[in-house]
Protein backbone atom coordinates (compact mmCIF):
# COMPACT_ATOMS: atom_id res chain seq x y z
CA MET A 1 156.16 -36.34 -4.33
CA ARG A 2 157.80 -35.24 -7.60
CA THR A 3 156.28 -31.78 -7.15
CA LEU A 4 157.85 -31.56 -3.68
CA PHE A 5 161.31 -32.38 -5.01
CA ARG A 6 160.93 -29.69 -7.67
CA ASN A 7 160.11 -26.99 -5.13
CA PRO A 8 163.16 -24.97 -3.98
CA ILE A 9 161.70 -24.71 -0.46
CA PHE A 10 162.30 -28.46 0.01
CA TYR A 11 166.03 -28.02 -0.57
CA ILE A 12 166.20 -24.84 1.52
CA LEU A 13 164.50 -26.53 4.48
CA THR A 14 166.68 -29.61 4.08
CA GLY A 15 169.81 -27.45 3.98
CA VAL A 16 168.81 -25.45 7.07
CA LEU A 17 167.98 -28.62 9.02
CA PHE A 18 171.26 -30.22 7.93
CA ILE A 19 173.25 -27.22 9.19
CA PHE A 20 171.56 -27.30 12.59
CA VAL A 21 171.95 -31.07 13.03
CA ALA A 22 175.46 -31.37 11.58
CA ARG A 23 176.79 -28.43 13.57
CA THR A 24 175.31 -29.80 16.81
CA LEU A 25 176.73 -33.30 16.25
CA LEU A 26 180.17 -32.02 15.28
CA ALA A 27 180.27 -29.63 18.25
CA VAL A 28 180.29 -32.63 20.60
CA ARG A 29 183.83 -33.51 19.47
CA PHE A 30 185.25 -30.57 17.56
CA PRO A 31 185.43 -26.77 17.85
CA VAL A 32 183.02 -25.56 15.19
CA PRO A 33 181.71 -22.11 14.21
CA ARG A 34 178.59 -20.81 15.89
CA LEU A 35 175.31 -21.10 14.02
CA ASN A 36 175.14 -17.32 13.70
CA ASP A 37 178.55 -17.28 12.01
CA ILE A 38 177.52 -20.00 9.55
CA PHE A 39 174.20 -18.43 8.54
CA THR A 40 175.70 -14.94 8.41
CA ALA A 41 178.47 -16.16 6.09
CA LEU A 42 175.94 -17.92 3.85
CA THR A 43 173.75 -14.81 3.75
CA LEU A 44 176.67 -12.56 2.86
CA ALA A 45 177.81 -15.00 0.16
CA GLY A 46 174.31 -14.91 -1.33
CA SER A 47 174.27 -11.13 -1.02
CA LEU A 48 177.55 -10.88 -2.90
CA ILE A 49 176.17 -13.02 -5.75
CA VAL A 50 173.05 -10.84 -6.00
CA LEU A 51 175.15 -7.67 -5.95
CA PHE A 52 177.44 -8.90 -8.75
CA ALA A 53 174.53 -10.21 -10.82
CA ARG A 54 172.49 -7.02 -10.57
CA PHE A 55 175.16 -4.40 -9.93
CA GLY A 56 173.70 -2.08 -12.55
CA GLN A 57 170.39 -1.90 -10.66
CA VAL A 58 171.94 -0.34 -7.56
CA LYS A 59 170.87 3.30 -7.36
CA ALA A 60 172.86 6.15 -5.85
CA SER A 61 170.40 6.29 -2.95
CA ASP A 62 170.94 2.57 -2.34
CA TRP A 63 174.69 3.12 -2.05
CA LEU A 64 174.11 5.98 0.39
CA ILE A 65 171.80 3.89 2.57
CA GLY A 66 174.00 0.79 2.43
CA ILE A 67 177.26 2.58 3.15
CA GLY A 68 175.56 4.81 5.73
CA ALA A 69 174.19 1.81 7.63
CA GLY A 70 177.59 0.12 7.50
CA LEU A 71 179.38 3.23 8.79
CA LEU A 72 176.85 3.64 11.61
CA VAL A 73 177.35 0.03 12.67
CA GLY A 74 181.14 0.25 12.34
CA VAL A 75 181.57 3.46 14.30
CA THR A 76 179.22 2.49 17.14
CA MET A 77 180.78 -1.00 17.37
CA ASN A 78 184.25 0.47 17.69
CA TYR A 79 183.17 2.37 20.81
CA ALA A 80 180.74 -0.21 22.22
CA THR A 81 181.01 -0.94 25.94
CA LEU A 82 177.84 -2.85 26.83
CA PHE A 83 177.54 -4.96 23.67
CA ASN A 84 180.10 -7.78 23.41
CA PRO A 85 179.49 -10.02 20.40
CA TYR A 86 180.96 -13.49 20.12
CA ASP A 87 184.22 -13.72 18.20
CA PHE A 88 183.24 -14.07 14.55
CA PHE A 89 184.48 -17.53 13.46
CA GLY A 90 186.68 -17.44 16.54
CA ILE A 91 189.15 -15.02 14.97
CA VAL A 92 187.49 -11.59 14.85
CA ARG A 93 187.83 -10.43 18.44
CA SER A 94 188.66 -6.76 19.05
CA ASN A 95 186.11 -3.98 18.80
CA PHE A 96 187.94 -2.53 15.82
CA ALA A 97 188.00 -5.85 13.94
CA GLN A 98 184.35 -6.45 14.77
CA ALA A 99 183.57 -2.94 13.56
CA LEU A 100 185.16 -3.62 10.18
CA VAL A 101 183.49 -7.00 9.68
CA ARG A 102 180.06 -5.97 10.96
CA GLY A 103 180.13 -2.68 9.07
CA PHE A 104 181.09 -4.33 5.77
CA GLY A 105 178.58 -7.13 6.28
CA THR A 106 175.79 -4.68 6.99
CA THR A 107 176.55 -2.69 3.83
CA LEU A 108 176.62 -5.84 1.70
CA ALA A 109 173.41 -7.27 3.19
CA MET A 110 171.63 -3.91 2.88
CA LEU A 111 172.55 -3.57 -0.79
CA CYS A 112 171.34 -7.12 -1.46
CA GLY A 113 168.04 -6.43 0.29
CA LEU A 114 167.56 -3.17 -1.60
CA ILE A 115 168.15 -4.90 -4.95
CA ILE A 116 165.57 -7.56 -4.05
CA ALA A 117 163.16 -4.87 -2.82
CA GLN A 118 163.24 -3.31 -6.30
CA GLN A 119 161.76 -6.57 -7.62
CA VAL A 120 158.70 -6.08 -5.41
CA GLY A 121 160.48 -7.98 -2.67
CA PRO A 122 158.72 -8.84 0.58
CA VAL A 123 160.47 -6.21 2.73
CA GLN A 124 160.74 -2.58 1.72
CA VAL A 125 162.80 0.35 3.02
CA SER A 126 160.76 3.53 3.11
CA LEU A 127 163.88 5.70 3.11
CA ALA A 128 165.01 4.10 -0.15
CA GLN A 129 161.66 5.07 -1.67
CA ALA A 130 162.20 8.71 -0.63
CA LYS A 131 159.41 8.38 1.94
CA GLN A 132 161.23 10.13 4.77
CA LYS A 133 158.09 10.88 6.75
CA LYS A 134 156.93 7.26 6.61
CA SER A 135 160.42 6.14 7.63
CA LEU A 136 160.37 8.40 10.69
CA VAL A 137 156.85 7.29 11.64
CA SER A 138 157.99 3.68 11.27
CA PHE A 139 160.78 4.19 13.79
CA ILE A 140 158.32 5.72 16.26
CA LEU A 141 155.77 2.96 15.60
CA GLY A 142 158.35 0.21 16.07
CA ILE A 143 159.48 1.68 19.40
CA ALA A 144 155.89 2.12 20.60
CA ILE A 145 154.93 -1.45 19.72
CA GLY A 146 158.21 -2.85 21.04
CA ALA A 147 158.25 -1.04 24.40
CA PRO A 148 155.83 -3.44 26.21
CA PHE A 149 157.77 -6.43 24.83
CA ALA A 150 161.03 -4.82 26.04
CA ILE A 151 159.65 -4.48 29.57
CA LEU A 152 158.46 -8.11 29.45
CA ASN A 153 161.93 -9.14 28.27
CA VAL A 154 163.61 -7.45 31.25
CA PHE A 155 161.29 -9.25 33.69
CA ALA A 156 161.91 -12.53 31.87
CA LEU A 157 165.69 -12.03 32.10
CA GLN A 158 165.42 -11.25 35.80
CA PHE A 159 163.50 -14.49 36.34
CA THR A 160 165.63 -16.78 34.16
CA GLN A 161 169.01 -15.40 35.24
CA GLY A 162 168.17 -14.75 38.88
CA GLN A 163 169.74 -11.32 38.58
CA SER A 164 168.46 -7.95 39.74
CA ILE A 165 168.50 -4.79 37.64
CA THR A 166 171.83 -2.96 37.52
CA TRP A 167 171.40 0.38 35.78
CA GLN A 168 173.95 1.17 33.09
CA ASN A 169 174.98 4.29 31.16
CA PRO A 170 171.86 5.26 29.16
CA LEU A 171 173.85 6.77 26.27
CA ALA A 172 175.87 3.56 25.96
CA ALA A 173 172.64 1.52 26.00
CA LEU A 174 171.11 3.73 23.31
CA SER A 175 174.19 3.43 21.09
CA ASP A 176 175.11 -0.21 21.67
CA ALA A 177 171.55 -1.40 21.02
CA LEU A 178 172.00 -0.28 17.40
CA GLN A 179 174.38 -3.22 16.90
CA PRO A 180 171.97 -6.17 17.19
CA ALA A 181 169.05 -4.11 15.91
CA ILE A 182 170.62 -3.02 12.62
CA VAL A 183 172.96 -5.94 11.96
CA GLU A 184 170.50 -8.74 12.72
CA GLU A 185 167.48 -7.15 11.07
CA VAL A 186 169.38 -6.19 7.93
CA THR A 187 171.12 -9.58 7.72
CA TYR A 188 168.22 -11.88 8.57
CA ARG A 189 164.93 -10.04 8.14
CA PHE A 190 166.05 -8.23 5.01
CA ALA A 191 168.81 -10.05 3.10
CA PHE A 192 168.31 -13.67 4.28
CA LEU A 193 164.53 -13.37 4.05
CA GLY A 194 164.86 -11.74 0.64
CA LEU A 195 167.17 -14.46 -0.67
CA ILE A 196 164.70 -17.16 0.35
CA TRP A 197 161.88 -15.22 -1.28
CA LEU A 198 163.97 -14.87 -4.44
CA ALA A 199 164.37 -18.65 -4.58
CA ILE A 200 160.73 -19.60 -3.98
CA ARG A 201 158.72 -16.71 -5.47
CA HIS A 202 157.90 -18.55 -8.70
CA SER A 203 157.07 -21.91 -7.12
CA MET A 204 155.02 -20.34 -4.28
CA PRO A 205 153.73 -17.03 -5.66
CA GLN A 206 150.85 -16.66 -3.19
CA SER A 207 152.70 -17.55 0.00
CA ALA A 208 156.36 -16.77 -0.74
CA ASN A 209 156.43 -13.65 1.48
CA TRP A 210 155.20 -15.36 4.61
CA VAL A 211 157.03 -18.65 4.04
CA ALA A 212 160.30 -16.74 3.64
CA GLY A 213 159.45 -14.55 6.63
CA LEU A 214 158.67 -17.47 8.92
CA LEU A 215 161.74 -19.44 7.87
CA ALA A 216 163.99 -16.42 8.48
CA LEU A 217 162.25 -15.92 11.84
CA PHE A 218 162.88 -19.49 13.00
CA VAL A 219 166.48 -19.61 11.79
CA HIS A 220 167.23 -16.30 13.50
CA ASN A 221 165.68 -17.41 16.79
CA PHE A 222 166.94 -20.99 16.96
CA MET A 223 170.52 -20.04 16.08
CA HIS A 224 170.85 -18.30 19.47
CA PHE A 225 170.95 -21.64 21.30
CA ASP A 226 174.25 -23.20 20.18
CA ASP A 227 175.15 -24.61 23.59
CA LEU A 228 171.60 -25.50 24.57
CA TRP A 229 171.17 -27.66 21.44
CA LEU A 230 174.02 -29.76 22.83
CA GLN A 231 172.87 -29.89 26.45
CA ALA A 232 169.07 -30.02 26.18
CA PRO A 233 167.73 -29.98 22.60
CA LEU A 234 164.08 -30.17 23.66
CA THR A 235 164.56 -27.13 25.90
CA ALA A 236 166.25 -25.30 23.02
CA LEU A 237 163.31 -26.18 20.79
CA GLY A 238 160.78 -24.94 23.37
CA MET A 239 162.64 -21.73 24.15
CA GLY A 240 163.17 -21.05 20.47
CA LEU A 241 159.45 -21.41 19.77
CA VAL A 242 158.55 -19.06 22.64
CA MET A 243 161.08 -16.46 21.52
CA ALA A 244 159.89 -16.77 17.94
CA LEU A 245 156.27 -16.23 18.95
CA VAL A 246 156.79 -13.40 21.45
CA TRP A 247 159.85 -11.51 20.17
CA GLY A 248 160.31 -12.80 16.62
CA LEU A 249 156.83 -12.63 15.13
CA PRO A 250 156.13 -8.89 15.82
CA PRO A 251 159.20 -7.58 13.92
CA THR A 252 158.52 -10.07 11.12
CA ILE A 253 154.97 -8.74 10.76
CA LEU A 254 156.26 -5.15 10.90
CA ALA A 255 158.88 -5.86 8.24
CA LEU A 256 156.46 -7.60 5.88
CA ARG A 257 153.47 -5.33 6.47
CA ARG A 258 155.22 -1.98 6.78
CA ASP A 259 159.00 -1.67 6.31
CA LEU A 260 162.45 -2.56 7.59
CA GLU A 261 162.68 0.59 9.70
CA SER A 262 159.82 -0.46 11.95
CA ALA A 263 161.42 -3.89 12.52
CA ILE A 264 164.77 -2.30 13.37
CA ALA A 265 163.10 0.08 15.83
CA PHE A 266 161.23 -2.82 17.51
CA HIS A 267 164.48 -4.76 17.87
CA TRP A 268 166.41 -1.69 19.04
CA VAL A 269 164.12 -0.98 21.99
CA GLN A 270 164.41 -4.60 23.17
CA ASP A 271 168.19 -4.42 23.42
CA MET A 272 168.26 -0.84 24.65
CA ALA A 273 166.11 -1.87 27.65
CA ARG A 274 168.24 -4.99 28.16
CA PHE A 275 171.54 -3.10 28.14
CA LEU A 276 170.15 -0.25 30.26
CA THR A 277 169.10 -2.67 33.00
CA GLY A 278 172.35 -4.64 32.99
CA PHE A 279 171.45 -7.80 31.08
């Protein structure tokens, strides 16, 4: 028992569970932030601490990748037509405001992940290692692996929403799908996962990669069900587990076994197909 209380994973799991339960209970009576807003804010706060603590380790290429990813997210968000994110903390509403917040957050989370990756972190970025060919192959591999899951997702959305396919502008679908793909993968499967790994790597040296990966996977999937946790918590639990297994596990494996680029590409093709077909 004493060993358990000394392990950082105990406090991380307790904190995550507390956030889910407390937010759900408070939401019954009060307007509270969405789970995504809470975990994103915590991840960015942790990213800021890592950046300040290890600022000298950031290489010029890291700055280029971090700022480049942030600019790509910011510019495409400003002109997004099919992707409509929830208001961040209920106050960031317009496309321009979302572009600023999401772009800055992506840059910060990317820099944090790159700093952790230098410490033999669990998720690597091939582009940051000057492996341009591997990075390109990873994008192609992620799309190829993700395509069957994307088709399955469209059929699942048709069934669950009782809605037929309504074809949308393909260029808008291609561009807007970059938003969830880059922002969510960089925030959760790079920075958040990396921060957990950083906290538990010494206490769980053999399993830290996969424990951090699975925890990031479950948090990322379960946070999508804010309203359902209130209305039908068992349904939210079941749907979260299914999503984690079918659509969360593949990009987690890609990120841990190959690189971040392959996970982003897998995620991108899911949302590209969803936006293209009107969901």
